[in-house]
Amino acid sequence: MRRWWLPLCIVGAWLLLFVDLSLSIMATGLICAALGTLWMRRVFANAAWLPDSTPGGTLLGNVRPSLIVRRLFCLLLFIPVFMVKVLASGANIAHLALAPSMDFWPGIVKIKGRLPSLDHTTLLAYLITLTPGTLSLDYDEENDDLYVHWIDVTGYGDTDMDDRVTSGLRRWVRRLLG
């Protein structure tokens, strides 16, 4: 296996989640790690941010260590920011659900990707989907439009609609992926 460290990381994460060193838990973790590695090998085969897999290759491959440190630092800053966005959105959903009258209008919103690559747009779509009240539906690659189902489209067509849906995530995606 060319990338032996990937299944080891998956097994390590598995053991951290279950905190049980019984034989059945460890065997299940190894099987899941092996299947996950086999399933994802095409995705990770050409990823420039992963360590080089060629014999005699360096641990960091073609990626500068300063870039990796910068991305990790941005990730550490992003996690609490995203958690606050998720909690605020969850509180908004709870408020809408507990309100005595339905004063919101769910619908589909078209937002511009305005990101340099499809990887960036995919991460943006994932982050939007992880936020309560939103769901990324489709991406039109020709026009760089992302279609998102949003729980409250009141004021659709406003100039700040895009910012209300993405809530500043586009800027973080650019920082995280460079």
N, C-alpha and C. Protein backbone atom coordinates (compact mmCIF):
# COMPACT_ATOMS: atom_id res chain seq x y z
N MET A 1 0.86 -1.18 0.00
CA MET A 1 0.00 0.00 0.00
C MET A 1 0.90 1.24 0.00
N ARG A 2 0.67 2.12 -0.95
CA ARG A 2 1.54 3.28 -1.11
C ARG A 2 1.35 4.30 0.00
N ARG A 3 0.19 4.44 0.51
CA ARG A 3 -0.08 5.45 1.54
C ARG A 3 -0.47 4.74 2.83
N TRP A 4 0.50 4.20 3.50
CA TRP A 4 0.25 3.44 4.71
C TRP A 4 -0.23 4.32 5.85
N TRP A 5 0.09 5.59 5.82
CA TRP A 5 -0.27 6.48 6.93
C TRP A 5 -1.76 6.81 6.94
N LEU A 6 -2.41 6.75 5.78
CA LEU A 6 -3.84 7.08 5.72
C LEU A 6 -4.70 6.09 6.51
N PRO A 7 -4.56 4.78 6.30
CA PRO A 7 -5.36 3.87 7.13
C PRO A 7 -4.99 3.93 8.60
N LEU A 8 -3.74 4.22 8.90
CA LEU A 8 -3.35 4.35 10.31
C LEU A 8 -4.04 5.55 10.96
N CYS A 9 -4.16 6.64 10.23
CA CYS A 9 -4.88 7.82 10.75
C CYS A 9 -6.36 7.50 10.94
N ILE A 10 -6.94 6.75 10.00
CA ILE A 10 -8.35 6.39 10.11
C ILE A 10 -8.57 5.50 11.32
N VAL A 11 -7.68 4.51 11.50
CA VAL A 11 -7.79 3.63 12.68
C VAL A 11 -7.59 4.42 13.96
N GLY A 12 -6.65 5.35 13.95
CA GLY A 12 -6.43 6.19 15.14
C GLY A 12 -7.66 7.01 15.48
N ALA A 13 -8.28 7.60 14.47
CA ALA A 13 -9.52 8.36 14.71
C ALA A 13 -10.62 7.44 15.21
N TRP A 14 -10.70 6.25 14.66
CA TRP A 14 -11.70 5.25 15.08
C TRP A 14 -11.53 4.92 16.56
N LEU A 15 -10.28 4.67 16.96
CA LEU A 15 -10.02 4.30 18.36
C LEU A 15 -10.28 5.48 19.31
N LEU A 16 -9.99 6.70 18.83
CA LEU A 16 -10.30 7.87 19.66
C LEU A 16 -11.80 8.03 19.86
N LEU A 17 -12.57 7.71 18.84
CA LEU A 17 -14.02 7.83 18.96
C LEU A 17 -14.62 6.79 19.89
N PHE A 18 -14.08 5.57 19.83
CA PHE A 18 -14.67 4.49 20.61
C PHE A 18 -14.00 4.26 21.96
N VAL A 19 -12.78 4.70 22.15
CA VAL A 19 -12.03 4.60 23.40
C VAL A 19 -12.11 3.20 24.01
N ASP A 20 -12.20 2.21 23.16
CA ASP A 20 -12.29 0.83 23.63
C ASP A 20 -11.28 0.03 22.83
N LEU A 21 -10.43 -0.70 23.51
CA LEU A 21 -9.39 -1.46 22.83
C LEU A 21 -9.74 -2.94 22.73
N SER A 22 -11.02 -3.25 22.69
CA SER A 22 -11.40 -4.65 22.55
C SER A 22 -11.11 -5.12 21.13
N LEU A 23 -10.97 -6.41 20.97
CA LEU A 23 -10.61 -6.99 19.68
C LEU A 23 -11.65 -6.69 18.61
N SER A 24 -12.92 -6.73 18.95
CA SER A 24 -13.96 -6.48 17.95
C SER A 24 -13.94 -5.03 17.46
N ILE A 25 -13.70 -4.09 18.36
CA ILE A 25 -13.65 -2.67 17.97
C ILE A 25 -12.42 -2.43 17.09
N MET A 26 -11.28 -2.98 17.47
CA MET A 26 -10.07 -2.78 16.68
C MET A 26 -10.19 -3.44 15.31
N ALA A 27 -10.78 -4.63 15.24
CA ALA A 27 -10.95 -5.32 13.96
C ALA A 27 -11.90 -4.54 13.05
N THR A 28 -12.98 -4.04 13.62
CA THR A 28 -13.93 -3.24 12.84
C THR A 28 -13.25 -1.97 12.32
N GLY A 29 -12.44 -1.33 13.15
CA GLY A 29 -11.71 -0.15 12.73
C GLY A 29 -10.73 -0.45 11.61
N LEU A 30 -10.02 -1.57 11.70
CA LEU A 30 -9.08 -1.94 10.64
C LEU A 30 -9.80 -2.25 9.33
N ILE A 31 -10.92 -2.94 9.42
CA ILE A 31 -11.70 -3.25 8.21
C ILE A 31 -12.22 -1.97 7.58
N CYS A 32 -12.78 -1.07 8.41
CA CYS A 32 -13.29 0.20 7.87
C CYS A 32 -12.16 1.04 7.27
N ALA A 33 -11.00 1.04 7.91
CA ALA A 33 -9.87 1.80 7.38
C ALA A 33 -9.41 1.23 6.05
N ALA A 34 -9.35 -0.09 5.95
CA ALA A 34 -8.93 -0.71 4.69
C ALA A 34 -9.94 -0.43 3.58
N LEU A 35 -11.21 -0.58 3.87
CA LEU A 35 -12.24 -0.32 2.85
C LEU A 35 -12.27 1.15 2.47
N GLY A 36 -12.17 2.02 3.46
CA GLY A 36 -12.16 3.46 3.17
C GLY A 36 -10.96 3.87 2.34
N THR A 37 -9.80 3.28 2.62
CA THR A 37 -8.60 3.60 1.85
C THR A 37 -8.72 3.10 0.42
N LEU A 38 -9.23 1.89 0.26
CA LEU A 38 -9.42 1.36 -1.09
C LEU A 38 -10.43 2.19 -1.88
N TRP A 39 -11.49 2.60 -1.19
CA TRP A 39 -12.54 3.36 -1.85
C TRP A 39 -12.06 4.75 -2.25
N MET A 40 -11.25 5.37 -1.40
CA MET A 40 -10.81 6.75 -1.64
C MET A 40 -9.46 6.85 -2.33
N ARG A 41 -8.86 5.74 -2.75
CA ARG A 41 -7.51 5.80 -3.29
C ARG A 41 -7.40 6.65 -4.55
N ARG A 42 -8.44 6.69 -5.35
CA ARG A 42 -8.40 7.52 -6.56
C ARG A 42 -8.42 9.00 -6.21
N VAL A 43 -9.18 9.34 -5.17
CA VAL A 43 -9.25 10.75 -4.76
C VAL A 43 -7.91 11.22 -4.22
N PHE A 44 -7.30 10.37 -3.38
CA PHE A 44 -6.05 10.77 -2.74
C PHE A 44 -4.82 10.55 -3.62
N ALA A 45 -4.96 9.87 -4.74
CA ALA A 45 -3.81 9.57 -5.58
C ALA A 45 -3.20 10.82 -6.19
N ASN A 46 -4.02 11.81 -6.53
CA ASN A 46 -3.51 13.01 -7.20
C ASN A 46 -3.62 14.26 -6.35
N ALA A 47 -3.87 14.11 -5.07
CA ALA A 47 -4.02 15.28 -4.21
C ALA A 47 -2.66 15.90 -3.92
N ALA A 48 -2.47 17.13 -4.33
CA ALA A 48 -1.18 17.79 -4.20
C ALA A 48 -0.83 18.12 -2.75
N TRP A 49 -1.82 18.20 -1.89
CA TRP A 49 -1.55 18.58 -0.51
C TRP A 49 -1.17 17.40 0.36
N LEU A 50 -1.24 16.18 -0.17
CA LEU A 50 -0.87 15.00 0.59
C LEU A 50 0.62 14.72 0.44
N PRO A 51 1.21 13.97 1.39
CA PRO A 51 2.62 13.61 1.26
C PRO A 51 2.89 12.82 -0.02
N ASP A 52 4.08 12.97 -0.53
CA ASP A 52 4.47 12.30 -1.77
C ASP A 52 4.53 10.79 -1.56
N SER A 53 4.00 10.02 -2.50
CA SER A 53 3.95 8.57 -2.33
C SER A 53 5.01 7.85 -3.17
N THR A 54 5.83 8.60 -3.90
CA THR A 54 6.84 7.95 -4.71
C THR A 54 7.97 7.47 -3.81
N PRO A 55 8.61 6.35 -4.18
CA PRO A 55 9.74 5.88 -3.38
C PRO A 55 10.84 6.94 -3.36
N GLY A 56 11.32 7.25 -2.20
CA GLY A 56 12.34 8.27 -2.05
C GLY A 56 11.77 9.67 -2.03
N GLY A 57 10.45 9.81 -2.11
CA GLY A 57 9.81 11.12 -2.07
C GLY A 57 9.86 11.70 -0.67
N THR A 58 9.70 13.00 -0.58
CA THR A 58 9.73 13.63 0.73
C THR A 58 8.37 13.52 1.39
N LEU A 59 8.35 13.71 2.69
CA LEU A 59 7.10 13.61 3.43
C LEU A 59 6.10 14.66 2.99
N LEU A 60 6.58 15.83 2.63
CA LEU A 60 5.68 16.91 2.26
C LEU A 60 5.45 17.00 0.76
N GLY A 61 6.12 16.19 -0.04
CA GLY A 61 5.91 16.22 -1.48
C GLY A 61 6.35 17.55 -2.05
N ASN A 62 5.53 18.14 -2.90
CA ASN A 62 5.84 19.41 -3.55
C ASN A 62 5.28 20.60 -2.80
N VAL A 63 4.67 20.38 -1.65
CA VAL A 63 4.04 21.45 -0.90
C VAL A 63 5.04 22.03 0.09
N ARG A 64 5.13 23.35 0.11
CA ARG A 64 6.04 24.02 1.05
C ARG A 64 5.54 23.84 2.48
N PRO A 65 6.44 23.60 3.42
CA PRO A 65 6.02 23.46 4.82
C PRO A 65 5.31 24.71 5.35
N SER A 66 5.73 25.89 4.89
CA SER A 66 5.08 27.11 5.35
C SER A 66 3.62 27.17 4.91
N LEU A 67 3.32 26.63 3.72
CA LEU A 67 1.94 26.60 3.24
C LEU A 67 1.09 25.64 4.09
N ILE A 68 1.66 24.51 4.46
CA ILE A 68 0.93 23.56 5.30
C ILE A 68 0.66 24.17 6.67
N VAL A 69 1.66 24.84 7.25
CA VAL A 69 1.48 25.48 8.56
C VAL A 69 0.42 26.57 8.46
N ARG A 70 0.44 27.35 7.38
CA ARG A 70 -0.55 28.41 7.22
C ARG A 70 -1.96 27.84 7.09
N ARG A 71 -2.10 26.77 6.32
CA ARG A 71 -3.42 26.16 6.16
C ARG A 71 -3.91 25.54 7.46
N LEU A 72 -3.02 24.91 8.21
CA LEU A 72 -3.42 24.35 9.51
C LEU A 72 -3.82 25.46 10.47
N PHE A 73 -3.10 26.57 10.45
CA PHE A 73 -3.45 27.70 11.31
C PHE A 73 -4.82 28.26 10.92
N CYS A 74 -5.07 28.39 9.61
CA CYS A 74 -6.39 28.87 9.16
C CYS A 74 -7.48 27.89 9.56
N LEU A 75 -7.19 26.59 9.49
CA LEU A 75 -8.17 25.60 9.90
C LEU A 75 -8.48 25.71 11.39
N LEU A 76 -7.45 25.91 12.20
CA LEU A 76 -7.68 26.07 13.64
C LEU A 76 -8.49 27.33 13.95
N LEU A 77 -8.30 28.38 13.17
CA LEU A 77 -9.11 29.59 13.35
C LEU A 77 -10.53 29.39 12.83
N PHE A 78 -10.66 28.61 11.76
CA PHE A 78 -11.95 28.43 11.11
C PHE A 78 -12.92 27.59 11.95
N ILE A 79 -12.43 26.58 12.61
CA ILE A 79 -13.31 25.65 13.34
C ILE A 79 -14.20 26.38 14.34
N PRO A 80 -13.67 27.24 15.24
CA PRO A 80 -14.59 27.94 16.15
C PRO A 80 -15.52 28.92 15.43
N VAL A 81 -15.03 29.55 14.37
CA VAL A 81 -15.88 30.48 13.62
C VAL A 81 -17.05 29.72 13.00
N PHE A 82 -16.77 28.56 12.41
CA PHE A 82 -17.83 27.77 11.79
C PHE A 82 -18.79 27.23 12.85
N MET A 83 -18.27 26.84 13.99
CA MET A 83 -19.15 26.35 15.06
C MET A 83 -20.12 27.43 15.52
N VAL A 84 -19.64 28.66 15.62
CA VAL A 84 -20.51 29.77 16.00
C VAL A 84 -21.58 29.98 14.94
N LYS A 85 -21.19 29.90 13.65
CA LYS A 85 -22.17 30.05 12.56
C LYS A 85 -23.22 28.94 12.61
N VAL A 86 -22.79 27.72 12.90
CA VAL A 86 -23.72 26.60 12.98
C VAL A 86 -24.67 26.78 14.16
N LEU A 87 -24.14 27.18 15.31
CA LEU A 87 -24.99 27.39 16.49
C LEU A 87 -25.98 28.53 16.27
N ALA A 88 -25.53 29.62 15.66
CA ALA A 88 -26.42 30.74 15.39
C ALA A 88 -27.51 30.34 14.40
N SER A 89 -27.14 29.59 13.39
CA SER A 89 -28.13 29.14 12.42
C SER A 89 -29.10 28.15 13.06
N GLY A 90 -28.58 27.28 13.92
CA GLY A 90 -29.45 26.34 14.64
C GLY A 90 -30.43 27.07 15.55
N ALA A 91 -29.96 28.12 16.21
CA ALA A 91 -30.86 28.92 17.05
C ALA A 91 -31.94 29.60 16.21
N ASN A 92 -31.57 30.07 15.03
CA ASN A 92 -32.54 30.69 14.14
C ASN A 92 -33.58 29.67 13.69
N ILE A 93 -33.16 28.45 13.37
CA ILE A 93 -34.08 27.39 12.96
C ILE A 93 -35.02 27.05 14.12
N ALA A 94 -34.47 26.96 15.33
CA ALA A 94 -35.31 26.68 16.50
C ALA A 94 -36.34 27.78 16.71
N HIS A 95 -35.92 29.03 16.53
CA HIS A 95 -36.84 30.16 16.66
C HIS A 95 -37.97 30.07 15.63
N LEU A 96 -37.60 29.74 14.38
CA LEU A 96 -38.62 29.62 13.33
C LEU A 96 -39.55 28.44 13.60
N ALA A 97 -39.01 27.36 14.13
CA ALA A 97 -39.84 26.18 14.39
C ALA A 97 -40.79 26.39 15.56
N LEU A 98 -40.37 27.16 16.54
CA LEU A 98 -41.19 27.37 17.73
C LEU A 98 -42.11 28.58 17.63
N ALA A 99 -41.97 29.35 16.56
CA ALA A 99 -42.82 30.53 16.39
C ALA A 99 -44.27 30.08 16.17
N PRO A 100 -45.22 30.80 16.73
CA PRO A 100 -46.63 30.40 16.59
C PRO A 100 -47.16 30.51 15.16
N SER A 101 -46.59 31.38 14.36
CA SER A 101 -47.06 31.50 12.98
C SER A 101 -45.88 31.26 12.03
N MET A 102 -46.21 30.76 10.86
CA MET A 102 -45.17 30.51 9.87
C MET A 102 -44.90 31.79 9.10
N ASP A 103 -43.89 32.51 9.50
CA ASP A 103 -43.58 33.77 8.85
C ASP A 103 -42.26 33.69 8.08
N PHE A 104 -41.98 32.54 7.52
CA PHE A 104 -40.80 32.39 6.68
C PHE A 104 -41.20 31.64 5.42
N TRP A 105 -40.38 31.80 4.38
CA TRP A 105 -40.68 31.21 3.08
C TRP A 105 -39.48 30.41 2.60
N PRO A 106 -39.56 29.08 2.68
CA PRO A 106 -38.46 28.27 2.16
C PRO A 106 -38.40 28.35 0.64
N GLY A 107 -37.22 28.24 0.10
CA GLY A 107 -37.08 28.28 -1.35
C GLY A 107 -35.66 28.00 -1.79
N ILE A 108 -35.46 28.07 -3.08
CA ILE A 108 -34.16 27.80 -3.67
C ILE A 108 -33.53 29.12 -4.10
N VAL A 109 -32.27 29.29 -3.71
CA VAL A 109 -31.53 30.51 -3.98
C VAL A 109 -30.36 30.18 -4.90
N LYS A 110 -30.13 31.05 -5.88
CA LYS A 110 -28.98 30.89 -6.76
C LYS A 110 -27.90 31.86 -6.29
N ILE A 111 -26.73 31.30 -5.98
CA ILE A 111 -25.61 32.14 -5.57
C ILE A 111 -24.44 31.89 -6.51
N LYS A 112 -23.61 32.88 -6.66
CA LYS A 112 -22.43 32.76 -7.49
C LYS A 112 -21.31 32.09 -6.70
N GLY A 113 -20.58 31.21 -7.37
CA GLY A 113 -19.45 30.54 -6.72
C GLY A 113 -18.32 31.52 -6.47
N ARG A 114 -17.91 32.21 -7.52
CA ARG A 114 -16.81 33.19 -7.46
C ARG A 114 -15.58 32.65 -6.75
N LEU A 115 -15.26 31.39 -7.01
CA LEU A 115 -14.09 30.76 -6.43
C LEU A 115 -13.19 30.24 -7.55
N PRO A 116 -11.90 30.09 -7.28
CA PRO A 116 -10.96 29.76 -8.36
C PRO A 116 -11.07 28.35 -8.94
N SER A 117 -11.57 27.38 -8.19
CA SER A 117 -11.60 26.02 -8.73
C SER A 117 -12.84 25.28 -8.24
N LEU A 118 -13.06 24.13 -8.84
CA LEU A 118 -14.18 23.28 -8.45
C LEU A 118 -13.99 22.73 -7.03
N ASP A 119 -12.75 22.49 -6.62
CA ASP A 119 -12.49 22.06 -5.25
C ASP A 119 -12.97 23.10 -4.24
N HIS A 120 -12.69 24.36 -4.52
CA HIS A 120 -13.13 25.45 -3.65
C HIS A 120 -14.66 25.49 -3.57
N THR A 121 -15.31 25.38 -4.73
CA THR A 121 -16.77 25.43 -4.78
C THR A 121 -17.38 24.23 -4.07
N THR A 122 -16.75 23.07 -4.20
CA THR A 122 -17.25 21.87 -3.51
C THR A 122 -17.16 22.05 -2.00
N LEU A 123 -16.06 22.58 -1.51
CA LEU A 123 -15.94 22.82 -0.07
C LEU A 123 -16.98 23.83 0.40
N LEU A 124 -17.20 24.88 -0.38
CA LEU A 124 -18.23 25.86 -0.04
C LEU A 124 -19.61 25.19 0.04
N ALA A 125 -19.92 24.33 -0.93
CA ALA A 125 -21.20 23.63 -0.93
C ALA A 125 -21.33 22.72 0.29
N TYR A 126 -20.26 22.03 0.66
CA TYR A 126 -20.30 21.18 1.86
C TYR A 126 -20.55 22.01 3.11
N LEU A 127 -19.86 23.13 3.23
CA LEU A 127 -20.02 23.96 4.42
C LEU A 127 -21.42 24.56 4.49
N ILE A 128 -21.95 24.96 3.35
CA ILE A 128 -23.33 25.49 3.33
C ILE A 128 -24.30 24.40 3.76
N THR A 129 -24.10 23.17 3.29
CA THR A 129 -24.99 22.07 3.64
C THR A 129 -24.90 21.73 5.13
N LEU A 130 -23.72 21.87 5.72
CA LEU A 130 -23.56 21.57 7.14
C LEU A 130 -24.23 22.61 8.04
N THR A 131 -24.53 23.77 7.49
CA THR A 131 -25.18 24.82 8.26
C THR A 131 -26.68 24.54 8.31
N PRO A 132 -27.29 24.51 9.48
CA PRO A 132 -28.73 24.22 9.57
C PRO A 132 -29.57 25.22 8.77
N GLY A 133 -30.58 24.69 8.08
CA GLY A 133 -31.48 25.52 7.31
C GLY A 133 -31.09 25.69 5.87
N THR A 134 -29.96 25.10 5.46
CA THR A 134 -29.51 25.20 4.08
C THR A 134 -29.14 23.82 3.55
N LEU A 135 -29.26 23.68 2.24
CA LEU A 135 -28.89 22.43 1.59
C LEU A 135 -28.44 22.76 0.17
N SER A 136 -27.21 22.43 -0.16
CA SER A 136 -26.71 22.64 -1.52
C SER A 136 -27.34 21.60 -2.42
N LEU A 137 -27.94 22.06 -3.51
CA LEU A 137 -28.66 21.17 -4.40
C LEU A 137 -27.93 20.86 -5.69
N ASP A 138 -27.41 21.88 -6.35
CA ASP A 138 -26.84 21.69 -7.68
C ASP A 138 -25.80 22.76 -7.95
N TYR A 139 -24.94 22.46 -8.91
CA TYR A 139 -23.93 23.42 -9.33
C TYR A 139 -23.92 23.49 -10.84
N ASP A 140 -24.07 24.69 -11.37
CA ASP A 140 -24.00 24.93 -12.81
C ASP A 140 -22.59 25.41 -13.12
N GLU A 141 -21.78 24.51 -13.68
CA GLU A 141 -20.38 24.82 -13.90
C GLU A 141 -20.18 25.89 -14.97
N GLU A 142 -21.06 25.94 -15.95
CA GLU A 142 -20.92 26.93 -17.03
C GLU A 142 -21.09 28.36 -16.51
N ASN A 143 -22.07 28.57 -15.65
CA ASN A 143 -22.34 29.91 -15.14
C ASN A 143 -21.78 30.15 -13.75
N ASP A 144 -21.15 29.13 -13.16
CA ASP A 144 -20.60 29.21 -11.82
C ASP A 144 -21.68 29.58 -10.80
N ASP A 145 -22.84 28.92 -10.93
CA ASP A 145 -23.95 29.15 -10.01
C ASP A 145 -24.15 27.94 -9.12
N LEU A 146 -24.35 28.19 -7.85
CA LEU A 146 -24.63 27.15 -6.88
C LEU A 146 -26.07 27.34 -6.42
N TYR A 147 -26.87 26.28 -6.50
CA TYR A 147 -28.26 26.35 -6.10
C TYR A 147 -28.40 25.77 -4.70
N VAL A 148 -28.97 26.56 -3.81
CA VAL A 148 -29.07 26.20 -2.39
C VAL A 148 -30.52 26.32 -1.95
N HIS A 149 -31.02 25.28 -1.29
CA HIS A 149 -32.34 25.38 -0.66
C HIS A 149 -32.12 26.04 0.70
N TRP A 150 -32.86 27.11 0.92
CA TRP A 150 -32.69 27.88 2.15
C TRP A 150 -34.04 27.99 2.82
N ILE A 151 -34.04 27.99 4.13
CA ILE A 151 -35.30 27.94 4.87
C ILE A 151 -36.07 29.26 4.84
N ASP A 152 -35.39 30.36 4.60
CA ASP A 152 -36.09 31.65 4.63
C ASP A 152 -35.57 32.54 3.51
N VAL A 153 -36.32 32.60 2.41
CA VAL A 153 -35.90 33.41 1.27
C VAL A 153 -36.63 34.74 1.21
N THR A 154 -37.20 35.18 2.34
CA THR A 154 -37.84 36.50 2.34
C THR A 154 -36.79 37.55 1.98
N GLY A 155 -37.15 38.43 1.13
CA GLY A 155 -36.21 39.43 0.64
C GLY A 155 -35.35 38.91 -0.49
N TYR A 156 -35.85 37.87 -1.19
CA TYR A 156 -35.08 37.31 -2.31
C TYR A 156 -34.82 38.39 -3.35
N GLY A 157 -33.62 38.42 -3.84
CA GLY A 157 -33.24 39.42 -4.82
C GLY A 157 -32.49 40.58 -4.19
N ASP A 158 -32.45 40.63 -2.87
CA ASP A 158 -31.67 41.67 -2.21
C ASP A 158 -30.20 41.50 -2.57
N THR A 159 -29.48 42.59 -2.50
CA THR A 159 -28.06 42.54 -2.84
C THR A 159 -27.27 41.74 -1.82
N ASP A 160 -27.75 41.64 -0.61
CA ASP A 160 -27.01 40.90 0.41
C ASP A 160 -27.49 39.45 0.56
N MET A 161 -28.35 38.97 -0.35
CA MET A 161 -28.86 37.60 -0.27
C MET A 161 -27.72 36.59 -0.31
N ASP A 162 -26.76 36.81 -1.20
CA ASP A 162 -25.63 35.91 -1.32
C ASP A 162 -24.85 35.83 -0.01
N ASP A 163 -24.61 36.97 0.61
CA ASP A 163 -23.89 36.99 1.88
C ASP A 163 -24.70 36.36 3.00
N ARG A 164 -26.02 36.51 2.95
CA ARG A 164 -26.85 35.90 4.00
C ARG A 164 -26.83 34.39 3.90
N VAL A 165 -26.79 33.86 2.69
CA VAL A 165 -26.78 32.40 2.51
C VAL A 165 -25.39 31.83 2.83
N THR A 166 -24.35 32.43 2.28
CA THR A 166 -23.01 31.89 2.49
C THR A 166 -22.40 32.33 3.81
N SER A 167 -22.90 33.37 4.39
CA SER A 167 -22.45 33.93 5.69
C SER A 167 -20.94 34.02 5.82
N GLY A 168 -20.30 34.51 4.78
CA GLY A 168 -18.85 34.74 4.84
C GLY A 168 -18.00 33.50 4.66
N LEU A 169 -18.59 32.39 4.29
CA LEU A 169 -17.82 31.15 4.15
C LEU A 169 -16.88 31.17 2.94
N ARG A 170 -17.22 31.91 1.92
CA ARG A 170 -16.40 31.96 0.71
C ARG A 170 -14.99 32.46 1.03
N ARG A 171 -14.90 33.45 1.88
CA ARG A 171 -13.59 34.00 2.25
C ARG A 171 -12.75 32.95 2.98
N TRP A 172 -13.40 32.17 3.85
CA TRP A 172 -12.69 31.13 4.59
C TRP A 172 -12.26 30.00 3.67
N VAL A 173 -13.06 29.66 2.68
CA VAL A 173 -12.69 28.61 1.72
C VAL A 173 -11.43 29.02 0.97
N ARG A 174 -11.36 30.28 0.58
CA ARG A 174 -10.15 30.76 -0.11
C ARG A 174 -8.93 30.65 0.79
N ARG A 175 -9.08 30.97 2.05
CA ARG A 175 -7.95 30.87 2.99
C ARG A 175 -7.54 29.42 3.22
N LEU A 176 -8.53 28.55 3.35
CA LEU A 176 -8.22 27.15 3.67
C LEU A 176 -7.55 26.42 2.51
N LEU A 177 -8.00 26.67 1.31
CA LEU A 177 -7.45 25.95 0.15
C LEU A 177 -6.41 26.74 -0.62
N GLY A 178 -6.16 27.95 -0.20
CA GLY A 178 -5.10 28.73 -0.81
C GLY A 178 -5.42 29.39 -2.11
